[in-house]
Protein backbone atom coordinates (compact mmCIF):
# COMPACT_ATOMS: atom_id res chain seq x y z
CA MET A 1 54.71 90.85 -51.95
CA ASP A 2 56.25 90.37 -48.49
CA TYR A 3 56.69 87.05 -46.73
CA ARG A 4 53.54 87.42 -44.60
CA GLY A 5 51.41 88.27 -47.67
CA ALA A 6 52.74 85.28 -49.60
CA PHE A 7 52.10 82.98 -46.65
CA LEU A 8 48.53 84.30 -46.27
CA LEU A 9 47.86 83.80 -50.00
CA MET A 10 49.15 80.23 -49.78
CA VAL A 11 46.85 79.51 -46.83
CA VAL A 12 43.83 80.95 -48.67
CA LEU A 13 44.56 78.93 -51.81
CA THR A 14 45.03 75.76 -49.75
CA VAL A 15 41.70 76.26 -47.96
CA MET A 16 39.92 76.98 -51.26
CA THR A 17 41.42 73.86 -52.83
CA LEU A 18 40.31 71.70 -49.91
CA CYS A 19 36.79 73.17 -50.03
CA ILE A 20 36.46 72.60 -53.76
CA LYS A 21 37.79 69.06 -53.43
CA THR A 22 35.38 68.34 -50.58
CA LEU A 23 32.39 69.66 -52.53
CA TYR A 24 33.44 67.79 -55.65
CA LEU A 25 33.87 64.49 -53.86
CA SER A 26 30.61 64.89 -51.95
CA TYR A 27 28.60 65.46 -55.15
CA PRO A 28 26.67 62.30 -56.09
CA TRP A 29 28.33 62.09 -59.51
CA THR A 30 31.71 61.48 -57.89
CA GLU A 31 30.59 59.44 -54.93
CA ASN A 32 33.04 56.75 -55.96
CA SER A 33 35.22 57.64 -58.92
CA GLU A 34 36.41 54.08 -59.44
CA VAL A 35 32.84 52.79 -59.50
CA ASN A 36 31.75 55.58 -61.85
CA GLU A 37 34.62 54.83 -64.23
CA MET A 38 33.57 51.18 -64.16
CA HIS A 39 29.99 52.20 -65.00
CA VAL A 40 31.19 54.22 -67.99
CA ARG A 41 33.30 51.31 -69.24
CA GLU A 42 30.40 48.89 -68.82
CA PHE A 43 28.00 51.27 -70.55
CA ASN A 44 30.35 51.87 -73.48
CA SER A 45 30.92 48.13 -73.88
CA PHE A 46 27.25 47.74 -74.79
CA LYS A 47 27.14 50.65 -77.25
CA VAL A 48 27.04 49.75 -80.93
CA GLN A 49 28.49 52.26 -83.36
CA ASN A 50 29.00 52.65 -87.10
CA ILE A 51 26.24 50.27 -88.14
CA ASN A 52 24.19 51.21 -91.19
CA CYS A 53 20.61 50.41 -90.17
CA LYS A 54 19.24 51.10 -93.65
CA ARG A 55 21.50 48.48 -95.19
CA ILE A 56 20.42 45.99 -92.54
CA LEU A 57 16.74 46.69 -93.24
CA ASP A 58 17.46 46.33 -96.96
CA GLY A 59 18.80 42.85 -96.26
CA GLU A 60 22.44 43.40 -97.20
CA LYS A 61 24.18 40.27 -95.88
CA THR A 62 27.60 41.92 -95.59
CA GLU A 63 26.26 44.66 -93.30
CA ILE A 64 24.20 42.16 -91.30
CA LEU A 65 27.25 39.97 -90.68
CA ARG A 66 29.35 43.01 -89.77
CA ALA A 67 26.68 44.17 -87.33
CA LYS A 68 26.49 40.73 -85.72
CA SER A 69 30.22 40.77 -85.14
CA MET A 70 29.94 44.13 -83.36
CA VAL A 71 26.91 43.44 -81.21
CA PRO A 72 27.86 42.55 -77.62
CA LYS A 73 26.98 39.08 -76.46
CA GLY A 74 24.00 39.43 -74.17
CA ILE A 75 22.86 42.40 -72.13
CA PRO A 76 23.88 43.60 -68.65
CA ASP A 77 22.58 41.40 -65.86
CA ASP A 78 20.29 42.59 -63.08
CA GLU A 79 23.20 43.09 -60.67
CA THR A 80 24.77 45.51 -63.16
CA VAL A 81 21.52 47.49 -63.37
CA LEU A 82 21.41 47.60 -59.59
CA ARG A 83 24.96 48.99 -59.44
CA HIS A 84 24.32 51.60 -62.12
CA THR A 85 21.11 52.87 -60.53
CA ALA A 86 22.64 53.10 -57.06
CA ASN A 87 23.67 56.64 -58.03
CA CYS A 88 20.65 58.12 -59.78
CA VAL A 89 22.30 61.39 -60.83
CA HIS A 90 25.13 59.49 -62.44
CA PHE A 91 22.75 56.97 -64.02
CA ARG A 92 20.39 59.55 -65.52
CA THR A 93 23.29 61.57 -66.91
CA LEU A 94 25.21 58.62 -68.30
CA TYR A 95 22.15 57.10 -69.95
CA GLY A 96 20.90 60.42 -71.34
CA TYR A 97 17.56 60.71 -69.52
CA ASP A 98 18.09 64.37 -68.67
CA ASN A 99 18.88 65.30 -72.29
CA ILE A 100 15.78 63.85 -73.97
CA ILE A 101 14.17 66.13 -76.54
CA ASN A 102 10.64 66.85 -75.33
CA THR A 103 8.36 68.88 -77.61
CA VAL A 104 5.61 71.17 -76.35
CA GLU A 105 3.04 68.90 -77.99
CA GLU A 106 4.37 65.93 -76.02
CA GLN A 107 4.44 67.90 -72.77
CA GLN A 108 0.76 68.75 -73.20
CA PHE A 109 -0.24 65.15 -73.90
CA PRO A 110 1.01 62.85 -71.11
CA ILE A 111 0.66 59.08 -71.54
CA ALA A 112 0.52 56.30 -68.95
CA PHE A 113 2.38 53.04 -69.59
CA ASN A 114 2.07 49.59 -68.04
CA ILE A 115 5.29 47.59 -68.40
CA LEU A 116 5.01 43.94 -67.37
CA LEU A 117 8.28 42.11 -66.83
CA TYR A 118 9.70 38.98 -65.29
CA LYS A 119 13.38 39.12 -66.26
CA ASP A 120 16.13 41.21 -67.87
CA VAL A 121 15.68 44.61 -66.22
CA ALA A 122 18.44 45.94 -68.48
CA GLN A 123 16.23 45.30 -71.49
CA VAL A 124 13.34 47.01 -69.71
CA GLU A 125 15.62 50.01 -69.13
CA ILE A 126 16.34 50.16 -72.88
CA LEU A 127 12.59 50.19 -73.52
CA LEU A 128 12.02 52.82 -70.83
CA ARG A 129 14.74 55.04 -72.28
CA ALA A 130 13.06 54.92 -75.69
CA ILE A 131 9.65 56.04 -74.41
CA TYR A 132 10.65 58.10 -71.38
CA ARG A 133 9.33 61.63 -71.00
CA PRO A 134 9.09 63.47 -67.67
CA GLN A 135 5.36 64.16 -68.10
CA ASN A 136 4.47 60.49 -68.69
CA TYR A 137 3.84 57.82 -66.06
CA TYR A 138 5.30 54.31 -65.99
CA CYS A 139 4.05 51.42 -63.86
CA LEU A 140 6.39 48.44 -63.58
CA HIS A 141 4.82 45.11 -62.67
CA VAL A 142 7.45 42.52 -61.79
CA ASP A 143 6.13 38.96 -61.76
CA GLY A 144 5.82 37.67 -58.22
CA PHE A 145 7.58 34.49 -59.33
CA SER A 146 10.63 36.43 -60.54
CA PRO A 147 13.86 36.02 -58.54
CA ASP A 148 14.86 38.63 -55.99
CA PRO A 149 17.57 40.31 -58.14
CA VAL A 150 14.93 41.20 -60.74
CA HIS A 151 12.71 42.84 -58.11
CA LYS A 152 15.63 44.74 -56.59
CA ALA A 153 16.93 45.99 -59.94
CA ALA A 154 13.46 47.10 -61.06
CA LYS A 155 12.85 48.92 -57.76
CA SER A 156 16.24 50.62 -57.99
CA LEU A 157 15.49 51.70 -61.57
CA ALA A 158 12.08 53.10 -60.61
CA ASP A 159 13.54 54.97 -57.64
CA CYS A 160 15.62 57.11 -60.01
CA PHE A 161 12.48 58.77 -61.40
CA ASP A 162 9.52 60.64 -59.94
CA ASN A 163 7.18 59.27 -62.61
CA VAL A 164 8.24 55.60 -62.62
CA PHE A 165 6.85 53.34 -59.92
CA ILE A 166 6.42 49.70 -58.94
CA VAL A 167 2.82 48.46 -58.94
CA SER A 168 1.23 48.53 -55.49
CA LYS A 169 0.02 44.92 -55.72
CA THR A 170 2.12 42.23 -57.40
CA GLU A 171 0.61 39.12 -58.99
CA ASN A 172 2.15 35.67 -59.30
CA VAL A 173 1.65 35.32 -63.03
CA VAL A 174 0.87 31.94 -64.54
CA TYR A 175 0.85 32.00 -68.34
CA GLU A 176 -2.71 32.24 -69.74
CA SER A 177 -4.15 32.72 -66.25
CA PHE A 178 -6.32 35.41 -64.68
CA GLN A 179 -3.28 36.79 -62.83
CA ARG A 180 -1.78 37.93 -66.14
CA LEU A 181 -4.83 40.14 -66.71
CA LYS A 182 -4.91 41.24 -63.07
CA ALA A 183 -1.31 42.46 -63.31
CA ASP A 184 -2.42 45.01 -65.90
CA ILE A 185 -5.56 45.89 -63.95
CA ASN A 186 -3.49 46.59 -60.82
CA CYS A 187 -1.25 48.99 -62.74
CA MET A 188 -4.28 50.68 -64.28
CA ALA A 189 -5.79 51.27 -60.84
CA ASP A 190 -2.53 52.82 -59.65
CA HIS A 191 -2.39 55.07 -62.72
CA LEU A 192 -5.82 56.54 -62.03
CA VAL A 193 -4.46 58.44 -59.03
CA LYS A 194 -1.96 60.14 -61.35
CA PRO A 195 -3.23 63.37 -62.93
CA ASP A 196 -3.66 64.52 -66.50
CA TRP A 197 -2.63 61.54 -68.65
CA LYS A 198 -4.78 61.04 -71.74
CA TYR A 199 -4.16 57.44 -72.82
CA LEU A 200 -2.74 54.27 -71.31
CA ILE A 201 -0.63 51.79 -73.27
CA ASN A 202 0.28 48.36 -71.87
CA ILE A 203 3.42 46.66 -73.15
CA PRO A 204 5.67 43.73 -72.20
CA GLY A 205 9.20 44.32 -70.99
CA GLN A 206 10.64 42.60 -74.07
CA GLU A 207 8.99 45.00 -76.53
CA TYR A 208 10.65 47.93 -78.28
CA PRO A 209 8.66 50.73 -79.95
CA LEU A 210 8.96 51.45 -83.65
CA LYS A 211 7.63 54.98 -83.18
CA THR A 212 8.89 57.85 -81.06
CA ASN A 213 6.85 59.27 -78.21
CA ALA A 214 6.20 62.34 -80.37
CA GLU A 215 4.79 60.18 -83.17
CA ILE A 216 2.65 58.20 -80.72
CA VAL A 217 1.23 61.46 -79.35
CA GLN A 218 0.30 62.66 -82.85
CA ILE A 219 -1.48 59.38 -83.59
CA LEU A 220 -3.33 59.36 -80.27
CA LYS A 221 -4.56 62.91 -80.82
CA MET A 222 -6.04 61.85 -84.16
CA MET A 223 -7.89 59.01 -82.41
CA ASN A 224 -10.03 61.64 -80.68
CA ASN A 225 -10.66 59.92 -77.35
CA THR A 226 -11.32 56.44 -78.75
CA ASN A 227 -9.59 53.19 -77.89
CA ASP A 228 -7.22 51.24 -80.11
CA ILE A 229 -8.02 47.64 -79.19
CA SER A 230 -7.68 44.71 -81.58
CA CYS A 231 -10.56 42.32 -82.16
CA THR A 232 -11.01 39.10 -84.12
CA ARG A 233 -14.62 37.98 -84.41
CA GLY A 234 -15.58 34.44 -85.28
CA VAL A 235 -14.15 32.83 -82.16
CA GLY A 236 -15.22 29.26 -82.91
CA ALA A 237 -11.62 28.07 -82.89
CA VAL A 238 -11.11 29.24 -79.30
CA LEU A 239 -14.49 28.42 -77.75
CA GLY A 240 -12.77 25.84 -75.57
CA ARG A 241 -11.07 28.71 -73.76
CA ILE A 242 -14.32 30.31 -72.60
CA LEU A 243 -16.85 27.45 -72.44
CA PHE A 244 -15.03 25.62 -69.65
CA LYS A 245 -13.65 26.71 -66.31
CA PHE A 246 -9.89 26.73 -65.76
CA MET A 247 -7.86 26.85 -62.57
CA ASN A 248 -4.24 27.25 -61.51
CA VAL A 249 -2.41 24.17 -60.24
CA TYR A 250 0.78 24.56 -58.22
CA GLY A 251 3.15 21.61 -57.87
CA GLU A 252 5.19 20.72 -54.79
CA ASN A 253 8.45 21.32 -56.65
CA GLY A 254 7.57 24.91 -57.53
CA THR A 255 5.99 24.20 -60.90
CA TYR A 256 2.67 25.71 -61.85
CA SER A 257 0.20 25.43 -64.70
CA ILE A 258 -3.40 26.14 -65.63
CA VAL A 259 -5.74 23.21 -66.30
CA ASN A 260 -9.23 22.67 -67.67
CA THR A 261 -11.54 21.52 -64.86
CA GLY A 262 -14.11 20.13 -67.31
CA ALA A 263 -16.86 22.19 -65.65
CA MET A 264 -18.97 24.35 -67.95
CA ASN A 265 -18.71 28.10 -67.57
CA THR A 266 -21.73 30.34 -67.06
CA LYS A 267 -22.87 32.85 -69.67
CA PRO A 268 -21.12 36.23 -69.61
CA PRO A 269 -23.04 38.82 -67.55
CA HIS A 270 -24.96 41.82 -68.87
CA GLY A 271 -25.52 40.36 -72.33
CA ILE A 272 -21.84 40.68 -73.25
CA VAL A 273 -20.80 38.84 -76.41
CA VAL A 274 -17.21 37.69 -75.99
CA ALA A 275 -14.72 39.14 -78.49
CA LYS A 276 -11.23 37.72 -79.01
CA GLY A 277 -8.41 40.24 -79.13
CA SER A 278 -4.91 40.92 -77.90
CA ALA A 279 -3.50 41.19 -74.40
CA TYR A 280 -2.22 44.64 -75.39
CA GLY A 281 -4.00 47.80 -76.43
CA VAL A 282 -4.31 51.55 -76.19
CA PHE A 283 -6.97 52.78 -73.78
CA THR A 284 -8.48 56.19 -73.06
CA ARG A 285 -8.41 57.40 -69.48
CA GLN A 286 -12.21 57.26 -69.29
CA PHE A 287 -12.21 53.65 -70.52
CA VAL A 288 -9.68 52.70 -67.84
CA LYS A 289 -11.76 54.50 -65.23
CA TYR A 290 -14.81 52.52 -66.35
CA MET A 291 -12.95 49.19 -66.16
CA ILE A 292 -11.74 49.89 -62.63
CA ASN A 293 -14.88 51.44 -61.13
CA ASN A 294 -17.99 50.35 -63.06
CA GLN A 295 -19.96 47.39 -61.68
CA ILE A 296 -20.60 45.92 -65.15
CA ALA A 297 -16.86 45.83 -65.81
CA LYS A 298 -16.25 44.34 -62.36
CA ASP A 299 -18.85 41.61 -62.98
CA PHE A 300 -17.32 40.74 -66.34
CA LEU A 301 -13.83 40.74 -64.82
CA GLU A 302 -15.00 38.23 -62.23
CA TRP A 303 -16.50 36.07 -65.01
CA CYS A 304 -13.13 36.17 -66.79
CA ARG A 305 -11.43 34.73 -63.71
CA THR A 306 -12.02 31.13 -64.83
CA ILE A 307 -11.45 31.35 -68.60
CA LEU A 308 -8.19 30.71 -70.42
CA SER A 309 -6.11 33.77 -71.42
CA PRO A 310 -8.67 36.31 -70.16
CA ASP A 311 -6.29 39.15 -71.06
CA GLU A 312 -7.14 38.41 -74.71
CA TYR A 313 -10.89 38.76 -74.10
CA TYR A 314 -11.53 41.28 -71.35
CA TRP A 315 -10.94 44.67 -72.96
CA SER A 316 -11.78 43.47 -76.45
CA SER A 317 -15.22 42.37 -75.24
CA LEU A 318 -15.83 45.61 -73.36
CA ASN A 319 -14.72 47.62 -76.37
CA TYR A 320 -16.83 45.77 -78.96
CA ASN A 321 -20.17 45.55 -77.16
CA PRO A 322 -21.66 48.95 -78.04
CA HIS A 323 -24.82 48.40 -75.99
CA LEU A 324 -22.65 48.97 -72.91
CA GLN A 325 -21.95 52.54 -74.06
CA ILE A 326 -18.47 52.61 -72.53
CA PRO A 327 -16.42 55.81 -73.06
CA GLY A 328 -13.82 55.34 -75.78
CA ALA A 329 -15.39 52.10 -77.08
CA ILE A 330 -17.18 51.62 -80.40
CA LYS A 331 -20.63 53.18 -80.59
CA GLY A 332 -23.91 51.68 -81.75
CA LYS A 333 -27.63 51.76 -81.13
CA GLY A 334 -27.97 48.30 -79.64
CA LYS A 335 -26.86 44.71 -79.39
CA ASP A 336 -27.59 43.93 -83.05
CA GLU A 337 -24.95 46.40 -84.20
CA ARG A 338 -22.02 44.53 -82.74
CA ILE A 339 -19.27 43.73 -85.18
CA LYS A 340 -19.89 40.38 -86.85
CA GLY A 341 -17.86 38.08 -89.06
CA SER A 342 -14.08 37.79 -88.89
CA HIS A 343 -12.49 41.23 -88.63
CA LEU A 344 -9.09 42.17 -87.28
CA PHE A 345 -8.43 45.60 -85.84
CA HIS A 346 -4.73 46.34 -85.62
CA ILE A 347 -3.19 48.46 -82.92
CA LEU A 348 -2.01 51.13 -85.34
CA SER A 349 -0.74 53.58 -82.78
CA LYS A 350 2.03 51.18 -81.69
CA TYR A 351 3.13 49.66 -85.01
């Protein structure tokens, strides 16, 4: 090769190298190599390896103590989540979202999830990772009273997915108040504009599932378009929660609480007999549609506004009053066939 040919080859190789380097550095994964390396180190610092879960579940003290010594102290803070999710391609790859095994059965049975949180977005991300599938939908409700870093981290997390979103209307949640129920209702209303999902499950941000998404799908299919809502009848011990009207009280120093006004409540509308249940359940799409759009459900929701812990009464009562003939709820010929006594219906599809 003559001198001119060698020089031309060197120029071509130099240009190619510069082009490749430019493309590589402009790709989101390598937006900032130092930051990405830091993310990997932070992520690996929270990984726990070589722990025998079976021995822990069997109660072997040696394995339990060894596991405790390996578990990192605490979880990443909200600022760390915000940094990690600033680069969504890097985040989804590093955390394994794009490599989730997704069966055909799961793909054909999308589920909607409400996730209510007020702190620790990193823990919410761990929950999300466990139940995430691209065909599902996830509504995040961040308590209006939560500090700004929680809201920012949750929004940044949601922005990394097409099927994860922040609720359109945020509630300032006071424990045992109507706003706790309304937070779920707001997410449910947002979910109804999403297509195809079969069931909705509401969960707190501090929960972790004991079943895989595939197992949950199999259980939900066996439920054959019926709800899975717990109910305890014989509510004498909690009559004080529904007989009197309650209201939120906000203090000047930022404190808030819910107090009994002493005023008697009216009777529930439409002949509804109140049933005590759980704040959490598994709801068919048609049941959710009824709760959001039907006037009977709206009237009962308004009645629940002044009782204590209405989230433990609202869907349980709708589900266990068969005279209402609500889709997905228990069936019966009339009011006399309501469930009586003291029965507990567990939410089997979650636990």
